[in-house]
Amino acid sequence: MNIQIFGKSKCFDTKKAERYFKERRIPYQMIDLKRYGFAPREFDSILSAVGGVDKLIDWEGKSPDITLMKYMDDPRAKEDKVFDDPALAKTPVVRNGKQATVGYCPEIWATWK
């Protein structure tokens, strides 16, 4: 397994995801979204794995950009917005090769081999 955790340092779900993998002695790579963001190919891979940009966006976020994005019809414009400002993404985004999850999903991670 090649686990990558994209998250924010102050996010409780990100810390829970790190703890999940640490307790099971599964090596992972932590990537701070606010500092590094997504690489273009990683972003495309994550979008295809989770089922689109709408599942990646943190709709409960307090950013004014989230409110604006609720009224956007163009998915490509939403993708560009999230790629440019990765703080709009729900965290953690956990990636294992071509598989990915958004949020805390230990029931799915347990099935990864």
Protein backbone atom coordinates (compact mmCIF):
# COMPACT_ATOMS: atom_id res chain seq x y z
CA MET A 1 0.00 0.00 0.00
CA ASN A 2 1.11 3.52 -0.75
CA ILE A 3 -1.07 5.72 1.47
CA GLN A 4 -1.14 9.50 1.11
CA ILE A 5 -3.14 11.64 3.52
CA PHE A 6 -3.97 15.13 2.28
CA GLY A 7 -5.18 17.21 5.18
CA LYS A 8 -4.96 20.28 7.34
CA SER A 9 -2.86 20.37 10.50
CA LYS A 10 -5.77 21.56 12.67
CA CYS A 11 -8.39 19.14 11.31
CA PHE A 12 -9.57 16.52 13.81
CA ASP A 13 -10.57 14.04 11.11
CA THR A 14 -7.09 14.30 9.58
CA LYS A 15 -5.55 13.53 12.97
CA LYS A 16 -7.93 10.57 13.38
CA ALA A 17 -6.89 9.25 9.95
CA GLU A 18 -3.21 9.54 10.87
CA ARG A 19 -3.89 7.70 14.14
CA TYR A 20 -5.80 4.96 12.27
CA PHE A 21 -2.83 4.16 10.02
CA LYS A 22 -0.26 4.65 12.76
CA GLU A 23 -2.04 2.19 15.09
CA ARG A 24 -2.07 -0.45 12.36
CA ARG A 25 1.60 0.23 11.49
CA ILE A 26 0.70 1.12 7.91
CA PRO A 27 3.21 3.60 6.48
CA TYR A 28 1.70 6.79 5.08
CA GLN A 29 2.75 10.15 3.70
CA MET A 30 1.13 13.25 5.21
CA ILE A 31 0.69 16.22 2.85
CA ASP A 32 -0.41 19.58 4.26
CA LEU A 33 -3.03 20.92 1.84
CA LYS A 34 -2.67 24.53 2.89
CA ARG A 35 1.07 24.45 2.30
CA TYR A 36 1.49 22.17 -0.72
CA GLY A 37 -1.94 21.67 -2.28
CA PHE A 38 -2.61 19.01 -4.92
CA ALA A 39 -0.39 18.13 -7.87
CA PRO A 40 -2.36 18.31 -11.15
CA ARG A 41 -2.28 14.57 -11.91
CA GLU A 42 -3.02 13.68 -8.27
CA PHE A 43 -6.00 16.02 -8.34
CA ASP A 44 -7.41 14.39 -11.49
CA SER A 45 -6.87 10.92 -10.02
CA ILE A 46 -8.63 11.88 -6.79
CA LEU A 47 -11.58 13.42 -8.65
CA SER A 48 -12.11 10.30 -10.74
CA ALA A 49 -11.80 8.04 -7.65
CA VAL A 50 -14.27 9.93 -5.46
CA GLY A 51 -16.82 10.62 -8.18
CA GLY A 52 -16.41 14.28 -9.04
CA VAL A 53 -15.66 17.63 -7.55
CA ASP A 54 -18.95 17.93 -5.65
CA LYS A 55 -17.92 15.08 -3.35
CA LEU A 56 -14.54 16.72 -2.72
CA ILE A 57 -15.86 20.13 -1.64
CA ASP A 58 -16.45 20.84 2.06
CA TRP A 59 -20.02 22.16 1.74
CA GLU A 60 -20.19 22.92 5.49
CA GLY A 61 -17.14 25.20 5.27
CA LYS A 62 -17.36 28.82 6.33
CA SER A 63 -15.55 30.27 3.33
CA PRO A 64 -17.53 32.73 1.18
CA ASP A 65 -16.23 30.82 -1.85
CA ILE A 66 -18.25 27.78 -0.73
CA THR A 67 -21.43 29.84 -0.78
CA LEU A 68 -20.65 31.02 -4.31
CA MET A 69 -19.83 27.51 -5.48
CA LYS A 70 -23.30 26.29 -4.45
CA TYR A 71 -24.68 28.36 -7.33
CA MET A 72 -22.07 27.39 -9.94
CA ASP A 73 -23.27 25.05 -12.67
CA ASP A 74 -19.94 24.44 -14.41
CA PRO A 75 -18.06 21.52 -12.77
CA ARG A 76 -14.82 22.59 -14.49
CA ALA A 77 -15.02 26.01 -12.80
CA LYS A 78 -15.52 24.29 -9.44
CA GLU A 79 -12.52 22.04 -10.11
CA ASP A 80 -10.35 25.06 -10.93
CA LYS A 81 -11.49 26.83 -7.77
CA VAL A 82 -10.70 23.84 -5.52
CA PHE A 83 -7.37 23.21 -7.26
CA ASP A 84 -6.36 26.86 -6.76
CA ASP A 85 -7.59 26.91 -3.13
CA PRO A 86 -7.27 23.40 -1.65
CA ALA A 87 -8.59 24.66 1.70
CA LEU A 88 -12.07 24.30 0.13
CA ALA A 89 -11.68 20.51 0.03
CA LYS A 90 -13.12 18.31 2.74
CA THR A 91 -10.35 16.62 4.70
CA PRO A 92 -8.76 14.20 4.99
CA VAL A 93 -8.40 13.03 1.43
CA VAL A 94 -6.80 9.60 1.72
CA ARG A 95 -5.33 8.10 -1.43
CA ASN A 96 -4.05 4.60 -2.12
CA GLY A 97 -2.92 4.39 -5.74
CA LYS A 98 -6.04 4.90 -7.86
CA GLN A 99 -8.40 4.59 -4.87
CA ALA A 100 -9.32 7.60 -2.75
CA THR A 101 -11.72 8.64 -0.01
CA VAL A 102 -12.86 11.98 1.31
CA GLY A 103 -13.43 12.33 5.03
CA TYR A 104 -12.86 9.79 7.80
CA CYS A 105 -13.72 6.38 6.26
CA PRO A 106 -12.04 3.54 8.22
CA GLU A 107 -14.53 0.96 6.90
CA ILE A 108 -13.24 1.58 3.35
CA TRP A 109 -9.56 1.77 4.36
CA ALA A 110 -9.87 -1.64 6.04
CA THR A 111 -10.67 -3.20 2.64
CA TRP A 112 -7.56 -1.78 0.95
CA LYS A 113 -4.77 -4.26 0.34
